[in-house]
Protein backbone atom coordinates (compact mmCIF):
# COMPACT_ATOMS: atom_id res chain seq x y z
CA MET A 1 54.23 58.10 0.26
CA VAL A 2 53.07 60.79 2.69
CA ARG A 3 53.44 59.63 6.30
CA PRO A 4 49.96 59.45 7.92
CA SER A 5 49.20 61.19 11.21
CA LEU A 6 48.73 59.32 14.47
CA ASN A 7 45.13 60.56 14.61
CA ASP A 8 44.40 59.00 11.21
CA LEU A 9 45.90 55.68 12.29
CA ALA A 10 43.95 55.71 15.54
CA ALA A 11 40.77 56.43 13.56
CA PHE A 12 41.45 53.46 11.30
CA ALA A 13 42.11 51.18 14.30
CA ALA A 14 38.83 52.24 15.91
CA VAL A 15 36.76 51.59 12.78
CA ALA A 16 38.55 48.31 12.13
CA SER A 17 38.02 47.10 15.69
CA HIS A 18 34.34 48.08 15.86
CA ARG A 19 33.57 47.13 12.23
CA SER A 20 31.31 50.17 12.30
CA PHE A 21 31.79 53.88 11.64
CA ARG A 22 28.95 54.73 14.02
CA LYS A 23 30.30 52.72 16.95
CA ALA A 24 33.85 53.94 16.35
CA ALA A 25 32.67 57.57 16.15
CA ASP A 26 30.74 57.17 19.41
CA ALA A 27 33.77 55.64 21.12
CA MET A 28 36.09 58.42 19.91
CA GLY A 29 33.63 61.24 20.51
CA VAL A 30 33.69 62.49 16.89
CA SER A 31 31.17 62.63 14.06
CA ARG A 32 30.81 59.82 11.54
CA SER A 33 31.54 62.21 8.70
CA ALA A 34 34.80 63.33 10.31
CA LEU A 35 35.81 59.71 10.79
CA SER A 36 34.92 58.86 7.20
CA HIS A 37 37.01 61.74 5.88
CA ALA A 38 39.94 60.64 8.06
CA ILE A 39 39.82 57.11 6.62
CA ILE A 40 39.54 58.40 3.04
CA GLY A 41 42.52 60.66 3.68
CA LEU A 42 44.53 57.80 5.19
CA GLU A 43 43.84 55.51 2.24
CA GLY A 44 44.82 58.33 -0.11
CA LYS A 45 48.14 58.88 1.66
CA LEU A 46 48.94 55.17 1.70
CA GLY A 47 47.69 54.59 -1.85
CA ILE A 48 45.74 51.46 -0.93
CA ARG A 49 42.24 50.56 0.24
CA LEU A 50 42.08 49.43 3.87
CA LEU A 51 38.34 48.95 4.37
CA ASN A 52 35.51 47.54 2.30
CA ARG A 53 32.42 49.65 3.00
CA THR A 54 28.75 49.08 2.19
CA THR A 55 25.64 50.73 3.61
CA ARG A 56 25.32 47.85 6.07
CA SER A 57 28.79 46.62 6.89
CA VAL A 58 32.48 47.41 7.21
CA SER A 59 35.19 44.81 6.65
CA LEU A 60 38.96 44.81 6.36
CA THR A 61 40.83 44.30 3.14
CA GLN A 62 43.92 42.11 3.27
CA ALA A 63 46.07 45.24 3.53
CA GLY A 64 43.82 46.57 6.29
CA SER A 65 44.15 43.32 8.26
CA GLN A 66 47.93 43.44 7.99
CA LEU A 67 48.06 47.07 9.10
CA LEU A 68 45.73 46.49 12.06
CA ALA A 69 47.77 43.50 13.28
CA ARG A 70 50.90 45.67 13.39
CA LEU A 71 49.16 48.83 14.59
CA ASP A 72 47.21 47.51 17.60
CA PRO A 73 50.23 46.68 19.80
CA VAL A 74 51.89 49.98 18.84
CA LEU A 75 48.83 51.99 19.95
CA GLN A 76 48.56 49.98 23.16
CA ASP A 77 52.24 50.64 23.91
CA LEU A 78 51.67 54.33 23.25
CA ASP A 79 48.68 54.43 25.61
CA GLN A 80 50.76 52.70 28.27
CA ALA A 81 53.66 55.13 27.78
CA LEU A 82 51.36 58.14 28.13
CA ASP A 83 49.73 56.61 31.18
CA THR A 84 53.16 56.06 32.72
CA LEU A 85 53.82 59.77 32.32
CA SER A 86 50.51 60.46 34.05
CA GLU A 87 51.59 58.26 36.94
CA ALA A 88 54.94 60.04 37.12
CA ARG A 89 53.08 63.34 37.47
CA GLY A 90 51.23 61.80 40.38
CA THR A 91 47.80 62.74 39.04
CA PRO A 92 45.69 60.56 36.72
CA SER A 93 44.30 62.36 33.70
CA GLY A 94 42.56 61.67 30.40
CA GLN A 95 39.26 59.89 29.80
CA LEU A 96 37.89 56.98 31.81
CA ARG A 97 34.97 55.14 30.15
CA ILE A 98 32.74 52.85 32.25
CA ASN A 99 29.66 50.94 31.09
CA ALA A 100 27.17 50.21 33.89
CA ASN A 101 23.61 49.06 34.43
CA LYS A 102 21.10 51.48 35.93
CA SER A 103 21.39 50.33 39.55
CA GLY A 104 25.19 50.36 39.34
CA SER A 105 25.17 53.90 37.96
CA ARG A 106 22.92 55.05 40.80
CA ILE A 107 25.21 53.62 43.46
CA LEU A 108 28.30 55.12 41.85
CA LEU A 109 26.73 58.58 41.52
CA LYS A 110 25.74 58.61 45.18
CA ASP A 111 29.26 58.54 46.62
CA VAL A 112 32.02 57.09 44.42
CA VAL A 113 31.80 59.49 41.46
CA PRO A 114 31.76 62.68 43.59
CA ARG A 115 34.83 61.52 45.55
CA PHE A 116 36.64 60.54 42.38
CA LEU A 117 35.99 63.76 40.46
CA ASP A 118 36.84 65.94 43.46
CA ARG A 119 40.13 64.12 43.95
CA TYR A 120 41.09 63.76 40.28
CA PRO A 121 39.68 66.79 38.41
CA GLU A 122 41.90 66.13 35.37
CA VAL A 123 40.07 62.89 34.57
CA GLU A 124 37.03 63.02 32.28
CA LEU A 125 34.64 60.31 33.45
CA ASP A 126 32.29 58.94 30.77
CA LEU A 127 29.68 56.79 32.55
CA VAL A 128 27.33 55.05 30.11
CA SER A 129 24.21 53.51 31.64
CA GLU A 130 22.42 50.74 29.73
CA GLY A 131 20.68 47.49 30.47
CA ARG A 132 22.24 45.17 27.93
CA LEU A 133 25.49 43.36 28.67
CA VAL A 134 28.03 44.61 26.11
CA ASP A 135 31.57 43.69 25.10
CA ILE A 136 33.45 46.46 26.89
CA VAL A 137 36.67 45.80 24.96
CA GLU A 138 34.99 45.95 21.56
CA LEU A 139 33.15 49.17 22.44
CA GLY A 140 36.19 50.90 23.90
CA PHE A 141 35.28 50.93 27.60
CA ASP A 142 37.92 50.69 30.32
CA ALA A 143 35.58 48.84 32.70
CA GLY A 144 32.03 47.61 33.14
CA ILE A 145 29.66 47.21 36.08
CA ARG A 146 27.09 44.43 36.33
CA LEU A 147 25.82 41.87 38.83
CA PHE A 148 28.74 39.67 39.87
CA GLU A 149 27.14 36.55 38.38
CA ALA A 150 26.90 38.25 34.95
CA VAL A 151 30.59 39.23 34.72
CA PRO A 152 32.36 37.37 31.85
CA GLN A 153 34.75 34.72 33.16
CA ASP A 154 37.79 36.17 31.38
CA MET A 155 37.50 39.47 33.29
CA VAL A 156 38.90 40.62 36.64
CA ALA A 157 35.99 41.44 38.99
CA VAL A 158 35.96 43.78 42.00
CA SER A 159 32.86 43.32 44.17
CA PHE A 160 31.25 46.32 45.86
CA GLY A 161 28.03 47.50 47.41
CA GLY A 162 27.27 44.36 49.40
CA GLU A 163 24.77 41.66 48.57
CA VAL A 164 21.67 42.21 46.44
CA ARG A 165 18.28 40.72 47.19
CA PHE A 166 15.60 40.26 44.55
CA ILE A 167 12.13 40.35 46.09
CA ALA A 168 8.54 39.74 45.01
CA VAL A 169 6.31 42.70 45.87
CA ALA A 170 2.65 43.61 45.52
CA ALA A 171 0.19 46.26 46.69
CA PRO A 172 -1.86 45.34 49.80
CA SER A 173 -5.03 45.97 47.77
CA TYR A 174 -3.99 43.38 45.18
CA LEU A 175 -3.28 40.75 47.83
CA GLN A 176 -6.57 41.46 49.55
CA ASN A 177 -8.41 40.69 46.32
CA ARG A 178 -6.28 37.81 45.01
CA GLY A 179 -4.73 36.27 48.11
CA THR A 180 -1.06 35.80 49.05
CA PRO A 181 1.14 33.19 47.31
CA ASN A 182 2.97 30.85 49.67
CA THR A 183 5.22 29.09 47.14
CA PRO A 184 6.59 30.01 43.70
CA ASP A 185 4.12 27.51 42.17
CA ASP A 186 1.25 29.62 43.54
CA LEU A 187 2.27 32.41 41.15
CA GLN A 188 0.56 30.48 38.35
CA ASN A 189 -2.75 31.64 39.87
CA HIS A 190 -1.74 35.32 40.01
CA SER A 191 -1.25 38.30 37.72
CA CYS A 192 2.48 38.91 37.50
CA ILE A 193 4.16 41.93 35.97
CA ARG A 194 6.73 40.33 33.74
CA GLN A 195 10.08 41.82 32.73
CA ARG A 196 11.62 41.99 29.27
CA LEU A 197 15.42 41.76 29.38
CA PRO A 198 17.61 43.97 27.17
CA SER A 199 18.36 40.86 25.10
CA GLY A 200 14.67 40.68 24.21
CA LYS A 201 14.02 37.56 26.27
CA ARG A 202 11.49 37.53 29.07
CA TYR A 203 12.97 37.07 32.53
CA ARG A 204 12.15 33.87 34.40
CA TRP A 205 11.78 34.60 38.11
CA GLU A 206 14.45 32.72 40.10
CA PHE A 207 13.80 31.58 43.67
CA SER A 208 15.71 29.40 46.12
CA ARG A 209 15.17 27.97 49.60
CA ARG A 210 17.21 25.45 51.56
CA GLY A 211 19.18 24.46 48.47
CA ALA A 212 16.12 24.10 46.23
CA GLU A 213 16.17 26.40 43.19
CA VAL A 214 13.15 27.22 41.06
CA ALA A 215 12.85 29.29 37.86
CA VAL A 216 9.28 30.30 37.01
CA ASP A 217 7.94 31.65 33.71
CA VAL A 218 5.19 33.58 35.47
CA PRO A 219 1.81 34.42 33.89
CA GLY A 220 0.62 37.98 33.38
CA ASN A 221 -0.79 40.39 30.82
CA LEU A 222 1.71 43.23 31.38
CA THR A 223 5.41 43.15 30.47
CA LEU A 224 7.80 46.04 31.19
CA ASP A 225 11.54 46.58 30.71
CA ASP A 226 12.45 48.89 33.60
CA ASN A 227 12.62 48.18 37.34
CA ASP A 228 11.20 51.58 38.31
CA LEU A 229 8.20 50.97 36.07
CA LEU A 230 7.73 47.47 37.49
CA VAL A 231 7.60 48.92 41.00
CA GLU A 232 5.15 51.65 40.00
CA ALA A 233 2.85 49.15 38.29
CA ALA A 234 2.89 46.87 41.34
CA ALA A 235 2.09 49.82 43.65
CA ALA A 236 -0.85 50.65 41.37
CA GLY A 237 -2.26 47.17 42.02
CA ARG A 238 -1.50 45.67 38.60
CA GLY A 239 0.01 42.50 40.08
CA ILE A 240 3.13 41.03 41.64
CA ALA A 241 6.57 42.29 40.51
CA TYR A 242 10.03 40.82 41.07
CA VAL A 243 12.76 43.44 41.45
CA PRO A 244 15.99 44.23 43.29
CA GLN A 245 15.00 45.40 46.79
CA TYR A 246 16.77 48.72 46.23
CA PHE A 247 14.11 49.82 43.71
CA ALA A 248 11.17 49.06 46.02
CA GLN A 249 12.65 50.36 49.28
CA SER A 250 10.75 53.65 49.55
CA LEU A 251 7.39 52.10 48.66
CA LEU A 252 7.96 49.29 51.16
CA LYS A 253 8.57 51.89 53.89
CA SER A 254 5.36 53.72 53.01
CA ARG A 255 3.48 50.38 52.93
CA ARG A 256 2.31 50.96 49.37
CA LEU A 257 4.07 47.66 48.68
CA VAL A 258 4.64 44.54 50.77
CA THR A 259 6.87 41.55 50.12
CA VAL A 260 5.62 38.07 49.36
CA LEU A 261 7.53 34.78 49.24
CA ALA A 262 10.19 36.37 51.45
CA ASP A 263 11.66 33.01 52.50
CA TRP A 264 12.19 32.16 48.82
CA CYS A 265 14.23 35.33 48.17
CA PRO A 266 17.67 35.06 49.79
CA PRO A 267 20.42 37.65 49.13
CA THR A 268 22.80 37.02 46.23
CA PRO A 269 26.27 38.38 45.34
CA GLY A 270 25.89 42.03 44.38
CA LEU A 271 27.55 44.29 41.87
CA ALA A 272 31.08 44.10 40.54
CA LEU A 273 33.32 46.39 38.52
CA TYR A 274 35.20 44.36 35.92
CA TYR A 275 37.99 44.97 33.42
CA PRO A 276 40.12 42.96 30.95
CA ARG A 277 42.63 40.65 32.57
CA ASN A 278 45.48 40.93 30.09
CA ARG A 279 45.48 44.63 29.24
CA HIS A 280 47.36 47.51 30.80
CA MET A 281 45.25 49.15 33.51
CA PRO A 282 45.10 52.96 33.14
CA SER A 283 46.09 54.90 36.24
CA SER A 284 42.65 56.55 36.19
CA LEU A 285 40.94 53.14 36.48
CA ARG A 286 43.30 52.10 39.27
CA ALA A 287 42.43 55.31 41.13
CA PHE A 288 38.71 54.73 40.54
CA ILE A 289 38.92 51.21 41.98
CA ASP A 290 40.77 52.52 45.05
CA ILE A 291 37.99 55.04 45.70
CA LEU A 292 35.34 52.37 45.02
CA ARG A 293 36.87 50.21 47.75
CA GLU A 294 37.28 53.21 50.05
CA ALA A 295 33.61 54.15 49.68
CA ASP A 296 32.60 50.52 50.18
CA ARG A 297 34.51 50.32 53.49
CA SER A 298 33.03 53.58 54.78
CA GLY A 299 29.53 52.77 53.60
């Protein structure tokens, strides 16, 4: 039997973990065809099929399951050994992959990312911005960034950026024509610009005051899936929108938007960077967290 290369074994582990050639190829930064050829070559060298493949799915054979069970800890030990060498050199290197929502990406790009890349030029930072909450371990990310309340319970969370306040906003012209709501129940008599979540569900607006919490499935004939678009539609007089204050700040200053139901919109815990609790932390991620905290203190 010809001994397979480490690259071929890593390719197999990626496909087996993701159960998808496309997702594994994206995580490894290679083409699907290259990954497919690597797996075919590996199976040829070993003389046994490791994966069952159809046009819609990828599954492990019994031999593939046995190999993955033995291979995963070996690859993790290898990653840790290489990272230890990086620490010994005193300079983190390699790739750092972070999955973040749009607002988190914006905050990072303003201060944290420039500091990090200037200080650690040997690290390749791959910052993926998307709305849906993903399994960062399954997709090969080192860390994720979401609102603190959305962080999975089995993850370690590092808060940053301060509190976040969701606010209801509308154009003065809209309020002049339709009146100003005084309670969340009053929204039933208004045109609201509703939001579609990445999961496909429509967001129920959440309010609280003096311990009372209310979730409202607001009425409206326009649904959008992006906070910037929600703000623009509200400024155009299409109705009331409910967004993180950060997205409406400039239009509030110019008075194109005003807040409503302000006493029902208290601040909530803000963003958090999170990572797996029981996995080795790469030196690049440790350095990124240090700079995140540094920027948070100086901000």
